[in-house]
Amino acid sequence: MPAAFQHFAGHIGAVAAHLLGLEFTQATVAATTDGQRRNADAGLAQLLETGKGSAVSLFQECAQRYLATYAQVTECLWNLDLPPRQALEQALRQSARMQCEDGHPKGCMVGLAVMSAPSAELAQVTAPLNRSRARTRAGIADCVSRALDAGELRQDVDAQGLSVMFDSFLVGLSTLARDNIGIEAMERAITQVMRLWDSSVAV
């Protein structure tokens, strides 16, 4: 087994435990049916117990389940019924609460996946998670663009800079959660970072 793959495989047990040991919360209940969750549990448990699944296939199963449930907390970025600022703040707060809630291992699998493939040959394994991050990044940019088009933000605002700033803040929540920074501090930080949006509002 290549050394790079051995390093990658070392992450799989934690990822599997991450998902197989979850107590499903309100966010997950809203995203999937009981039957879907039972099927996902059974499939992953079989991979672990029978040994038929490789480390890669197990990781992919975990990723698919995560993307269909917990990763949906940022889909509000694409909800055109929400004002751009509200959609952005809702995504930040929902993600922070999800990453810190009881029954969910600290951090976000999507955000932390950037460290899960140590070589180019394994990059395709985390591709779905990378696409999820890209979609969220595009959703943040879309909120900024909508606000500019609607005249909510000043026309001289650096749209890309503002979007990247919010994206980096969101991704950074994962490491804060892993370092046991509590949700109360994160909530206050979100209040502070949203003031950067408010300082760019058109007068």
N, C-alpha and C. Protein backbone atom coordinates (compact mmCIF):
# COMPACT_ATOMS: atom_id res chain seq x y z
N MET A 1 0.85 -1.19 0.00
CA MET A 1 0.00 0.00 0.00
C MET A 1 0.89 1.24 0.00
N PRO A 2 0.64 2.18 -0.94
CA PRO A 2 1.45 3.40 -1.00
C PRO A 2 1.39 4.16 0.31
N ALA A 3 2.49 4.81 0.65
CA ALA A 3 2.55 5.55 1.90
C ALA A 3 1.46 6.61 1.96
N ALA A 4 1.20 7.27 0.83
CA ALA A 4 0.18 8.32 0.81
C ALA A 4 -1.18 7.74 1.16
N PHE A 5 -1.45 6.51 0.62
CA PHE A 5 -2.74 5.90 0.92
C PHE A 5 -2.83 5.49 2.37
N GLN A 6 -1.73 5.00 2.93
CA GLN A 6 -1.73 4.63 4.35
C GLN A 6 -2.08 5.84 5.20
N HIS A 7 -1.51 6.99 4.85
CA HIS A 7 -1.80 8.21 5.59
C HIS A 7 -3.28 8.56 5.47
N PHE A 8 -3.81 8.44 4.24
CA PHE A 8 -5.22 8.74 4.00
C PHE A 8 -6.12 7.80 4.79
N ALA A 9 -5.77 6.50 4.76
CA ALA A 9 -6.61 5.50 5.41
C ALA A 9 -6.70 5.73 6.91
N GLY A 10 -5.69 6.38 7.46
CA GLY A 10 -5.72 6.66 8.89
C GLY A 10 -6.86 7.56 9.31
N HIS A 11 -7.39 8.33 8.35
CA HIS A 11 -8.50 9.22 8.66
C HIS A 11 -9.84 8.50 8.64
N ILE A 12 -9.92 7.33 8.00
CA ILE A 12 -11.20 6.73 7.71
C ILE A 12 -11.94 6.30 8.96
N GLY A 13 -11.20 5.70 9.92
CA GLY A 13 -11.88 5.25 11.13
C GLY A 13 -12.58 6.39 11.83
N ALA A 14 -11.93 7.54 11.92
CA ALA A 14 -12.54 8.68 12.58
C ALA A 14 -13.75 9.18 11.81
N VAL A 15 -13.64 9.18 10.47
CA VAL A 15 -14.76 9.64 9.66
C VAL A 15 -15.95 8.71 9.81
N ALA A 16 -15.68 7.40 9.81
CA ALA A 16 -16.77 6.43 9.96
C ALA A 16 -17.45 6.58 11.31
N ALA A 17 -16.63 6.70 12.35
CA ALA A 17 -17.20 6.88 13.68
C ALA A 17 -17.99 8.17 13.74
N HIS A 18 -17.48 9.18 13.06
CA HIS A 18 -18.14 10.48 12.96
C HIS A 18 -19.59 10.31 12.54
N LEU A 19 -19.80 9.47 11.50
CA LEU A 19 -21.13 9.36 10.93
C LEU A 19 -21.94 8.21 11.52
N LEU A 20 -21.31 7.09 11.78
CA LEU A 20 -22.05 5.95 12.31
C LEU A 20 -22.50 6.20 13.75
N GLY A 21 -21.79 7.05 14.46
CA GLY A 21 -22.12 7.30 15.85
C GLY A 21 -23.01 8.50 16.07
N LEU A 22 -23.50 9.09 15.01
CA LEU A 22 -24.28 10.32 15.17
C LEU A 22 -25.64 10.07 15.80
N GLU A 23 -26.03 10.95 16.68
CA GLU A 23 -27.42 11.01 17.11
C GLU A 23 -28.06 12.05 16.21
N PHE A 24 -29.08 11.66 15.47
CA PHE A 24 -29.63 12.57 14.48
C PHE A 24 -30.37 13.72 15.15
N THR A 25 -30.06 14.92 14.69
CA THR A 25 -30.60 16.12 15.27
C THR A 25 -31.68 16.69 14.37
N GLN A 26 -32.24 17.80 14.77
CA GLN A 26 -33.32 18.41 14.02
C GLN A 26 -32.89 18.74 12.59
N ALA A 27 -31.65 19.20 12.42
CA ALA A 27 -31.17 19.54 11.08
C ALA A 27 -31.16 18.32 10.18
N THR A 28 -30.75 17.17 10.73
CA THR A 28 -30.70 15.96 9.93
C THR A 28 -32.10 15.45 9.64
N VAL A 29 -32.98 15.50 10.63
CA VAL A 29 -34.34 15.05 10.45
C VAL A 29 -35.01 15.82 9.32
N ALA A 30 -34.72 17.11 9.24
CA ALA A 30 -35.33 17.93 8.20
C ALA A 30 -34.80 17.57 6.82
N ALA A 31 -33.61 17.00 6.75
CA ALA A 31 -32.97 16.75 5.46
C ALA A 31 -33.23 15.35 4.91
N THR A 32 -33.50 14.37 5.77
CA THR A 32 -33.67 13.01 5.29
C THR A 32 -34.83 12.33 5.99
N THR A 33 -35.35 11.26 5.38
CA THR A 33 -36.41 10.49 6.00
C THR A 33 -35.79 9.45 6.92
N ASP A 34 -36.63 8.88 7.81
CA ASP A 34 -36.14 7.83 8.71
C ASP A 34 -35.60 6.66 7.91
N GLY A 35 -36.28 6.30 6.83
CA GLY A 35 -35.86 5.17 6.02
C GLY A 35 -34.51 5.41 5.38
N GLN A 36 -34.29 6.62 4.87
CA GLN A 36 -33.00 6.94 4.26
C GLN A 36 -31.88 6.84 5.27
N ARG A 37 -32.12 7.33 6.48
CA ARG A 37 -31.08 7.29 7.49
C ARG A 37 -30.78 5.86 7.92
N ARG A 38 -31.84 5.04 8.05
CA ARG A 38 -31.63 3.64 8.43
C ARG A 38 -30.84 2.91 7.35
N ASN A 39 -31.17 3.17 6.09
CA ASN A 39 -30.45 2.53 4.99
C ASN A 39 -28.98 2.95 4.99
N ALA A 40 -28.72 4.25 5.22
CA ALA A 40 -27.34 4.73 5.25
C ALA A 40 -26.58 4.08 6.40
N ASP A 41 -27.23 4.00 7.58
CA ASP A 41 -26.59 3.37 8.72
C ASP A 41 -26.24 1.91 8.41
N ALA A 42 -27.21 1.20 7.84
CA ALA A 42 -27.01 -0.23 7.58
C ALA A 42 -25.88 -0.44 6.57
N GLY A 43 -25.85 0.38 5.53
CA GLY A 43 -24.82 0.24 4.51
C GLY A 43 -23.43 0.48 5.07
N LEU A 44 -23.27 1.54 5.86
CA LEU A 44 -21.96 1.84 6.44
C LEU A 44 -21.56 0.80 7.47
N ALA A 45 -22.53 0.34 8.26
CA ALA A 45 -22.22 -0.67 9.26
C ALA A 45 -21.75 -1.96 8.59
N GLN A 46 -22.38 -2.30 7.45
CA GLN A 46 -21.97 -3.51 6.75
C GLN A 46 -20.54 -3.38 6.24
N LEU A 47 -20.19 -2.20 5.73
CA LEU A 47 -18.82 -1.99 5.25
C LEU A 47 -17.81 -2.22 6.37
N LEU A 48 -18.16 -1.75 7.57
CA LEU A 48 -17.24 -1.89 8.69
C LEU A 48 -17.16 -3.33 9.19
N GLU A 49 -18.33 -4.00 9.26
CA GLU A 49 -18.38 -5.31 9.89
C GLU A 49 -17.88 -6.43 8.99
N THR A 50 -18.17 -6.36 7.69
CA THR A 50 -17.79 -7.45 6.80
C THR A 50 -16.42 -7.24 6.19
N GLY A 51 -15.93 -6.01 6.20
CA GLY A 51 -14.62 -5.73 5.63
C GLY A 51 -14.62 -5.73 4.12
N LYS A 52 -15.80 -5.74 3.50
CA LYS A 52 -15.87 -5.78 2.04
C LYS A 52 -15.56 -4.43 1.41
N GLY A 53 -15.74 -3.37 2.16
CA GLY A 53 -15.52 -2.05 1.59
C GLY A 53 -14.10 -1.57 1.84
N SER A 54 -13.53 -0.97 0.84
CA SER A 54 -12.20 -0.40 1.02
C SER A 54 -12.29 0.89 1.81
N ALA A 55 -11.14 1.39 2.23
CA ALA A 55 -11.12 2.66 2.95
C ALA A 55 -11.70 3.77 2.08
N VAL A 56 -11.38 3.71 0.79
CA VAL A 56 -11.88 4.75 -0.12
C VAL A 56 -13.39 4.69 -0.24
N SER A 57 -13.94 3.49 -0.45
CA SER A 57 -15.39 3.39 -0.62
C SER A 57 -16.12 3.78 0.66
N LEU A 58 -15.52 3.45 1.81
CA LEU A 58 -16.13 3.83 3.07
C LEU A 58 -16.16 5.35 3.21
N PHE A 59 -15.03 5.98 2.87
CA PHE A 59 -14.98 7.44 2.94
C PHE A 59 -16.03 8.05 2.02
N GLN A 60 -16.18 7.49 0.82
CA GLN A 60 -17.14 8.02 -0.14
C GLN A 60 -18.56 7.87 0.36
N GLU A 61 -18.86 6.72 1.00
CA GLU A 61 -20.19 6.52 1.57
C GLU A 61 -20.46 7.55 2.66
N CYS A 62 -19.47 7.78 3.51
CA CYS A 62 -19.61 8.76 4.58
C CYS A 62 -19.84 10.16 3.99
N ALA A 63 -19.06 10.49 2.97
CA ALA A 63 -19.18 11.80 2.35
C ALA A 63 -20.55 12.01 1.74
N GLN A 64 -21.06 10.99 1.04
CA GLN A 64 -22.37 11.11 0.42
C GLN A 64 -23.46 11.35 1.46
N ARG A 65 -23.35 10.62 2.56
CA ARG A 65 -24.35 10.79 3.60
C ARG A 65 -24.26 12.18 4.22
N TYR A 66 -23.04 12.63 4.46
CA TYR A 66 -22.85 13.95 5.07
C TYR A 66 -23.39 15.05 4.16
N LEU A 67 -23.10 14.94 2.87
CA LEU A 67 -23.56 15.96 1.92
C LEU A 67 -25.07 16.00 1.82
N ALA A 68 -25.71 14.86 2.02
CA ALA A 68 -27.18 14.80 1.92
C ALA A 68 -27.87 15.26 3.19
N THR A 69 -27.11 15.45 4.26
CA THR A 69 -27.73 15.82 5.53
C THR A 69 -27.14 17.11 6.09
N TYR A 70 -26.06 16.98 6.84
CA TYR A 70 -25.51 18.13 7.54
C TYR A 70 -25.04 19.25 6.62
N ALA A 71 -24.50 18.91 5.47
CA ALA A 71 -23.98 19.94 4.57
C ALA A 71 -25.08 20.81 3.97
N GLN A 72 -26.33 20.42 4.17
CA GLN A 72 -27.44 21.19 3.61
C GLN A 72 -27.68 22.50 4.37
N VAL A 73 -26.97 22.72 5.48
CA VAL A 73 -27.24 23.92 6.28
C VAL A 73 -26.89 25.22 5.54
N THR A 74 -26.07 25.12 4.49
CA THR A 74 -25.70 26.34 3.76
C THR A 74 -26.51 26.52 2.47
N GLU A 75 -27.46 25.64 2.22
CA GLU A 75 -28.27 25.76 1.00
C GLU A 75 -29.13 27.02 1.00
N CYS A 76 -29.35 27.61 2.18
CA CYS A 76 -30.13 28.85 2.25
C CYS A 76 -29.46 29.97 1.47
N LEU A 77 -28.18 29.84 1.17
CA LEU A 77 -27.49 30.86 0.37
C LEU A 77 -28.13 31.01 -1.01
N TRP A 78 -28.78 29.96 -1.47
CA TRP A 78 -29.39 29.96 -2.80
C TRP A 78 -30.89 30.22 -2.76
N ASN A 79 -31.41 30.51 -1.58
CA ASN A 79 -32.85 30.76 -1.43
C ASN A 79 -33.15 32.21 -1.83
N LEU A 80 -33.70 32.38 -3.01
CA LEU A 80 -33.96 33.73 -3.51
C LEU A 80 -35.10 34.42 -2.78
N ASP A 81 -35.83 33.67 -1.96
CA ASP A 81 -36.90 34.30 -1.16
C ASP A 81 -36.33 35.02 0.05
N LEU A 82 -35.07 34.76 0.37
CA LEU A 82 -34.43 35.42 1.50
C LEU A 82 -33.61 36.61 1.01
N PRO A 83 -33.65 37.74 1.71
CA PRO A 83 -32.75 38.85 1.37
C PRO A 83 -31.31 38.36 1.48
N PRO A 84 -30.39 38.87 0.65
CA PRO A 84 -29.00 38.38 0.65
C PRO A 84 -28.34 38.37 2.02
N ARG A 85 -28.49 39.46 2.78
CA ARG A 85 -27.84 39.51 4.08
C ARG A 85 -28.38 38.43 5.00
N GLN A 86 -29.70 38.26 5.00
CA GLN A 86 -30.32 37.25 5.86
C GLN A 86 -29.87 35.85 5.46
N ALA A 87 -29.79 35.58 4.16
CA ALA A 87 -29.36 34.26 3.70
C ALA A 87 -27.94 33.96 4.16
N LEU A 88 -27.07 34.94 4.06
CA LEU A 88 -25.67 34.76 4.46
C LEU A 88 -25.55 34.53 5.97
N GLU A 89 -26.20 35.38 6.75
CA GLU A 89 -26.11 35.23 8.20
C GLU A 89 -26.72 33.91 8.65
N GLN A 90 -27.82 33.52 8.01
CA GLN A 90 -28.46 32.25 8.37
C GLN A 90 -27.52 31.08 8.09
N ALA A 91 -26.83 31.12 6.97
CA ALA A 91 -25.89 30.04 6.63
C ALA A 91 -24.77 29.96 7.67
N LEU A 92 -24.23 31.10 8.06
CA LEU A 92 -23.15 31.11 9.05
C LEU A 92 -23.61 30.56 10.39
N ARG A 93 -24.77 31.02 10.84
CA ARG A 93 -25.26 30.59 12.16
C ARG A 93 -25.67 29.12 12.15
N GLN A 94 -26.32 28.69 11.09
CA GLN A 94 -26.73 27.28 11.03
C GLN A 94 -25.52 26.36 10.99
N SER A 95 -24.49 26.77 10.26
CA SER A 95 -23.28 25.94 10.19
C SER A 95 -22.59 25.88 11.54
N ALA A 96 -22.46 27.00 12.19
CA ALA A 96 -21.80 27.04 13.51
C ALA A 96 -22.56 26.17 14.51
N ARG A 97 -23.88 26.28 14.53
CA ARG A 97 -24.67 25.50 15.49
C ARG A 97 -24.58 24.01 15.19
N MET A 98 -24.61 23.66 13.90
CA MET A 98 -24.51 22.26 13.51
C MET A 98 -23.17 21.68 13.97
N GLN A 99 -22.09 22.43 13.81
CA GLN A 99 -20.76 21.93 14.13
C GLN A 99 -20.52 21.79 15.63
N CYS A 100 -21.32 22.47 16.42
CA CYS A 100 -21.12 22.45 17.88
C CYS A 100 -22.19 21.69 18.63
N GLU A 101 -23.23 21.25 17.92
CA GLU A 101 -24.36 20.65 18.64
C GLU A 101 -24.02 19.26 19.16
N ASP A 102 -24.76 18.85 20.19
CA ASP A 102 -24.58 17.52 20.77
C ASP A 102 -24.89 16.46 19.71
N GLY A 103 -24.09 15.40 19.70
CA GLY A 103 -24.31 14.32 18.75
C GLY A 103 -23.59 14.50 17.44
N HIS A 104 -23.02 15.68 17.21
CA HIS A 104 -22.26 15.91 15.97
C HIS A 104 -20.80 16.13 16.34
N PRO A 105 -19.90 15.32 15.82
CA PRO A 105 -18.47 15.54 16.12
C PRO A 105 -18.06 16.96 15.75
N LYS A 106 -17.20 17.54 16.51
CA LYS A 106 -16.83 18.95 16.32
C LYS A 106 -16.24 19.19 14.94
N GLY A 107 -16.68 20.27 14.33
CA GLY A 107 -16.17 20.64 13.02
C GLY A 107 -17.09 20.18 11.90
N CYS A 108 -16.68 20.46 10.68
CA CYS A 108 -17.48 20.13 9.49
C CYS A 108 -16.65 19.26 8.56
N MET A 109 -17.19 18.13 8.16
CA MET A 109 -16.48 17.22 7.28
C MET A 109 -16.11 17.88 5.96
N VAL A 110 -17.00 18.75 5.47
CA VAL A 110 -16.74 19.43 4.20
C VAL A 110 -15.55 20.38 4.34
N GLY A 111 -15.55 21.15 5.43
CA GLY A 111 -14.47 22.11 5.64
C GLY A 111 -13.14 21.44 5.94
N LEU A 112 -13.18 20.34 6.69
CA LEU A 112 -11.94 19.67 7.10
C LEU A 112 -11.42 18.71 6.04
N ALA A 113 -12.22 18.43 5.01
CA ALA A 113 -11.83 17.45 4.00
C ALA A 113 -10.61 17.88 3.21
N VAL A 114 -10.31 19.17 3.23
CA VAL A 114 -9.15 19.65 2.48
C VAL A 114 -7.86 18.98 2.96
N MET A 115 -7.86 18.45 4.18
CA MET A 115 -6.68 17.78 4.74
C MET A 115 -6.75 16.27 4.59
N SER A 116 -7.81 15.74 3.96
CA SER A 116 -8.03 14.29 3.96
C SER A 116 -7.37 13.55 2.81
N ALA A 117 -6.95 14.25 1.76
CA ALA A 117 -6.31 13.57 0.63
C ALA A 117 -4.89 14.12 0.48
N PRO A 118 -3.90 13.43 1.01
CA PRO A 118 -2.53 13.97 1.04
C PRO A 118 -1.77 13.89 -0.28
N SER A 119 -2.38 13.33 -1.31
CA SER A 119 -1.67 13.23 -2.59
C SER A 119 -2.64 13.47 -3.74
N ALA A 120 -2.07 13.79 -4.91
CA ALA A 120 -2.90 14.05 -6.09
C ALA A 120 -3.69 12.82 -6.49
N GLU A 121 -3.12 11.63 -6.29
CA GLU A 121 -3.81 10.40 -6.70
C GLU A 121 -5.07 10.16 -5.89
N LEU A 122 -5.17 10.74 -4.72
CA LEU A 122 -6.36 10.55 -3.88
C LEU A 122 -7.29 11.75 -3.92
N ALA A 123 -6.94 12.77 -4.69
CA ALA A 123 -7.74 13.99 -4.72
C ALA A 123 -9.17 13.71 -5.18
N GLN A 124 -9.33 12.74 -6.08
CA GLN A 124 -10.66 12.45 -6.59
C GLN A 124 -11.59 11.91 -5.51
N VAL A 125 -11.00 11.34 -4.46
CA VAL A 125 -11.81 10.77 -3.38
C VAL A 125 -12.58 11.86 -2.65
N THR A 126 -11.94 13.01 -2.47
CA THR A 126 -12.60 14.10 -1.76
C THR A 126 -13.28 15.09 -2.71
N ALA A 127 -13.32 14.75 -3.99
CA ALA A 127 -13.90 15.67 -4.99
C ALA A 127 -15.33 16.12 -4.65
N PRO A 128 -16.22 15.22 -4.19
CA PRO A 128 -17.58 15.68 -3.86
C PRO A 128 -17.59 16.72 -2.74
N LEU A 129 -16.69 16.58 -1.77
CA LEU A 129 -16.62 17.55 -0.68
C LEU A 129 -16.04 18.87 -1.18
N ASN A 130 -15.06 18.77 -2.09
CA ASN A 130 -14.50 19.98 -2.68
C ASN A 130 -15.56 20.73 -3.48
N ARG A 131 -16.40 19.97 -4.20
CA ARG A 131 -17.48 20.61 -4.97
C ARG A 131 -18.48 21.28 -4.04
N SER A 132 -18.72 20.67 -2.89
CA SER A 132 -19.64 21.27 -1.93
C SER A 132 -19.10 22.59 -1.41
N ARG A 133 -17.79 22.65 -1.11
CA ARG A 133 -17.19 23.90 -0.68
C ARG A 133 -17.29 24.96 -1.79
N ALA A 134 -17.06 24.53 -3.02
CA ALA A 134 -17.13 25.46 -4.15
C ALA A 134 -18.55 25.99 -4.32
N ARG A 135 -19.54 25.13 -4.10
CA ARG A 135 -20.93 25.57 -4.21
C ARG A 135 -21.26 26.60 -3.13
N THR A 136 -20.80 26.33 -1.92
CA THR A 136 -21.03 27.29 -0.84
C THR A 136 -20.34 28.61 -1.14
N ARG A 137 -19.10 28.55 -1.63
CA ARG A 137 -18.36 29.76 -1.98
C ARG A 137 -19.12 30.56 -3.05
N ALA A 138 -19.65 29.84 -4.04
CA ALA A 138 -20.41 30.50 -5.10
C ALA A 138 -21.71 31.09 -4.55
N GLY A 139 -22.30 30.41 -3.55
CA GLY A 139 -23.53 30.92 -2.94
C GLY A 139 -23.29 32.23 -2.19
N ILE A 140 -22.15 32.30 -1.51
CA ILE A 140 -21.79 33.55 -0.82
C ILE A 140 -21.59 34.67 -1.84
N ALA A 141 -20.87 34.35 -2.91
CA ALA A 141 -20.64 35.36 -3.96
C ALA A 141 -21.96 35.80 -4.58
N ASP A 142 -22.89 34.87 -4.72
CA ASP A 142 -24.19 35.20 -5.30
C ASP A 142 -24.97 36.14 -4.38
N CYS A 143 -24.87 35.93 -3.07
CA CYS A 143 -25.54 36.84 -2.12
C CYS A 143 -24.99 38.26 -2.27
N VAL A 144 -23.67 38.37 -2.37
CA VAL A 144 -23.06 39.68 -2.54
C VAL A 144 -23.49 40.30 -3.86
N SER A 145 -23.51 39.51 -4.91
CA SER A 145 -23.91 40.00 -6.24
C SER A 145 -25.37 40.46 -6.24
N ARG A 146 -26.24 39.68 -5.60
CA ARG A 146 -27.66 40.06 -5.53
C ARG A 146 -27.82 41.38 -4.78
N ALA A 147 -27.06 41.53 -3.70
CA ALA A 147 -27.16 42.75 -2.91
C ALA A 147 -26.67 43.96 -3.71
N LEU A 148 -25.64 43.77 -4.50
CA LEU A 148 -25.14 44.87 -5.35
C LEU A 148 -26.17 45.23 -6.43
N ASP A 149 -26.74 44.22 -7.05
CA ASP A 149 -27.74 44.45 -8.10
C ASP A 149 -28.98 45.15 -7.57
N ALA A 150 -29.31 44.86 -6.31
CA ALA A 150 -30.50 45.46 -5.71
C ALA A 150 -30.21 46.81 -5.09
N GLY A 151 -28.95 47.25 -5.12
CA GLY A 151 -28.60 48.54 -4.55
C GLY A 151 -28.49 48.52 -3.04
N GLU A 152 -28.40 47.31 -2.46
CA GLU A 152 -28.29 47.20 -1.00
C GLU A 152 -26.86 47.49 -0.54
N LEU A 153 -25.89 47.18 -1.40
CA LEU A 153 -24.48 47.45 -1.09
C LEU A 153 -23.97 48.55 -2.01
N ARG A 154 -22.99 49.29 -1.52
CA ARG A 154 -22.41 50.36 -2.33
C ARG A 154 -21.76 49.78 -3.60
N GLN A 155 -21.83 50.50 -4.66
CA GLN A 155 -21.29 50.03 -5.93
C GLN A 155 -19.76 49.96 -5.93
N ASP A 156 -19.11 50.67 -5.01
CA ASP A 156 -17.66 50.63 -4.97
C ASP A 156 -17.12 49.50 -4.07
N VAL A 157 -18.02 48.66 -3.58
CA VAL A 157 -17.61 47.55 -2.71
C VAL A 157 -16.79 46.54 -3.52
N ASP A 158 -15.74 46.01 -2.91
CA ASP A 158 -14.94 44.95 -3.51
C ASP A 158 -15.70 43.65 -3.34
N ALA A 159 -16.49 43.28 -4.34
CA ALA A 159 -17.37 42.12 -4.23
C ALA A 159 -16.60 40.83 -3.98
N GLN A 160 -15.52 40.64 -4.71
CA GLN A 160 -14.74 39.41 -4.54
C GLN A 160 -14.09 39.38 -3.15
N GLY A 161 -13.52 40.50 -2.75
CA GLY A 161 -12.89 40.55 -1.43
C GLY A 161 -13.88 40.27 -0.32
N LEU A 162 -15.09 40.83 -0.43
CA LEU A 162 -16.11 40.62 0.60
C LEU A 162 -16.54 39.16 0.62
N SER A 163 -16.72 38.58 -0.56
CA SER A 163 -17.14 37.18 -0.65
C SER A 163 -16.08 36.24 -0.06
N VAL A 164 -14.82 36.46 -0.42
CA VAL A 164 -13.75 35.61 0.08
C VAL A 164 -13.61 35.74 1.59
N MET A 165 -13.82 36.94 2.11
CA MET A 165 -13.73 37.14 3.55
C MET A 165 -14.78 36.30 4.29
N PHE A 166 -16.02 36.33 3.80
CA PHE A 166 -17.07 35.54 4.46
C PHE A 166 -16.82 34.04 4.28
N ASP A 167 -16.32 33.64 3.12
CA ASP A 167 -16.03 32.23 2.87
C ASP A 167 -14.93 31.74 3.81
N SER A 168 -13.88 32.53 3.97
CA SER A 168 -12.78 32.13 4.85
C SER A 168 -13.25 32.06 6.30
N PHE A 169 -14.15 32.95 6.69
CA PHE A 169 -14.70 32.91 8.04
C PHE A 169 -15.48 31.61 8.25
N LEU A 170 -16.32 31.27 7.27
CA LEU A 170 -17.13 30.05 7.38
C LEU A 170 -16.25 28.81 7.48
N VAL A 171 -15.25 28.69 6.62
CA VAL A 171 -14.36 27.53 6.65
C VAL A 171 -13.60 27.48 7.98
N GLY A 172 -13.25 28.64 8.51
CA GLY A 172 -12.51 28.70 9.77
C GLY A 172 -13.30 28.22 10.98
N LEU A 173 -14.63 28.20 10.87
CA LEU A 173 -15.45 27.71 11.98
C LEU A 173 -15.12 26.25 12.32
N SER A 174 -14.71 25.48 11.31
CA SER A 174 -14.42 24.06 11.53
C SER A 174 -13.25 23.87 12.49
N THR A 175 -12.19 24.63 12.29
CA THR A 175 -11.04 24.48 13.20
C THR A 175 -11.36 25.06 14.57
N LEU A 176 -12.17 26.10 14.62
CA LEU A 176 -12.58 26.64 15.93
C LEU A 176 -13.36 25.59 16.71
N ALA A 177 -14.27 24.90 16.02
CA ALA A 177 -15.07 23.87 16.68
C ALA A 177 -14.18 22.74 17.19
N ARG A 178 -13.20 22.34 16.36
CA ARG A 178 -12.29 21.27 16.77
C ARG A 178 -11.43 21.70 17.95
N ASP A 179 -11.17 23.00 18.07
CA ASP A 179 -10.38 23.52 19.19
C ASP A 179 -11.26 23.88 20.39
N ASN A 180 -12.51 23.41 20.33
CA ASN A 180 -13.45 23.58 21.45
C ASN A 180 -13.79 25.03 21.77
N ILE A 181 -13.81 25.86 20.74
CA ILE A 181 -14.36 27.21 20.91
C ILE A 181 -15.88 27.07 20.91
N GLY A 182 -16.53 27.52 21.95
CA GLY A 182 -17.96 27.29 22.11
C GLY A 182 -18.83 28.05 21.14
N ILE A 183 -20.08 27.61 21.04
CA ILE A 183 -21.03 28.23 20.11
C ILE A 183 -21.32 29.67 20.51
N GLU A 184 -21.29 29.97 21.80
CA GLU A 184 -21.58 31.34 22.22
C GLU A 184 -20.57 32.32 21.63
N ALA A 185 -19.29 31.95 21.68
CA ALA A 185 -18.25 32.81 21.10
C ALA A 185 -18.41 32.90 19.59
N MET A 186 -18.76 31.80 18.96
CA MET A 186 -18.95 31.81 17.50
C MET A 186 -20.12 32.71 17.11
N GLU A 187 -21.19 32.63 17.88
CA GLU A 187 -22.37 33.47 17.59
C GLU A 187 -21.99 34.95 17.67
N ARG A 188 -21.20 35.30 18.68
CA ARG A 188 -20.78 36.69 18.81
C ARG A 188 -19.86 37.09 17.66
N ALA A 189 -19.00 36.17 17.24
CA ALA A 189 -18.10 36.45 16.11
C ALA A 189 -18.90 36.67 14.83
N ILE A 190 -19.97 35.90 14.65
CA ILE A 190 -20.82 36.08 13.46
C ILE A 190 -21.47 37.45 13.49
N THR A 191 -21.91 37.87 14.66
CA THR A 191 -22.49 39.22 14.79
C THR A 191 -21.46 40.27 14.36
N GLN A 192 -20.22 40.07 14.79
CA GLN A 192 -19.16 41.02 14.45
C GLN A 192 -18.86 41.02 12.95
N VAL A 193 -18.76 39.82 12.36
CA VAL A 193 -18.39 39.76 10.95
C VAL A 193 -19.50 40.31 10.06
N MET A 194 -20.75 40.19 10.49
CA MET A 194 -21.85 40.74 9.70
C MET A 194 -21.82 42.27 9.71
N ARG A 195 -21.12 42.87 10.65
CA ARG A 195 -20.97 44.33 10.67
C ARG A 195 -20.13 44.81 9.49
N LEU A 196 -19.29 43.92 8.96
CA LEU A 196 -18.52 44.27 7.77
C LEU A 196 -19.46 44.41 6.56
N TRP A 197 -20.48 43.59 6.53
CA TRP A 197 -21.51 43.75 5.49
C TRP A 197 -22.22 45.07 5.70
N ASP A 198 -22.63 45.33 6.95
CA ASP A 198 -23.37 46.55 7.23
C ASP A 198 -22.58 47.81 6.92
N SER A 199 -21.26 47.73 7.08
CA SER A 199 -20.43 48.89 6.78
C SER A 199 -20.33 49.13 5.28
N SER A 200 -20.77 48.17 4.48
CA SER A 200 -20.72 48.31 3.02
C SER A 200 -22.09 48.65 2.43
N VAL A 201 -23.07 48.86 3.29
CA VAL A 201 -24.43 49.13 2.82
C VAL A 201 -24.50 50.50 2.16
N ALA A 202 -25.27 50.56 1.08
CA ALA A 202 -25.47 51.83 0.36
C ALA A 202 -26.28 52.78 1.23
N VAL A 203 -25.92 54.05 1.21
CA VAL A 203 -26.65 55.04 2.03
C VAL A 203 -27.64 55.78 1.18
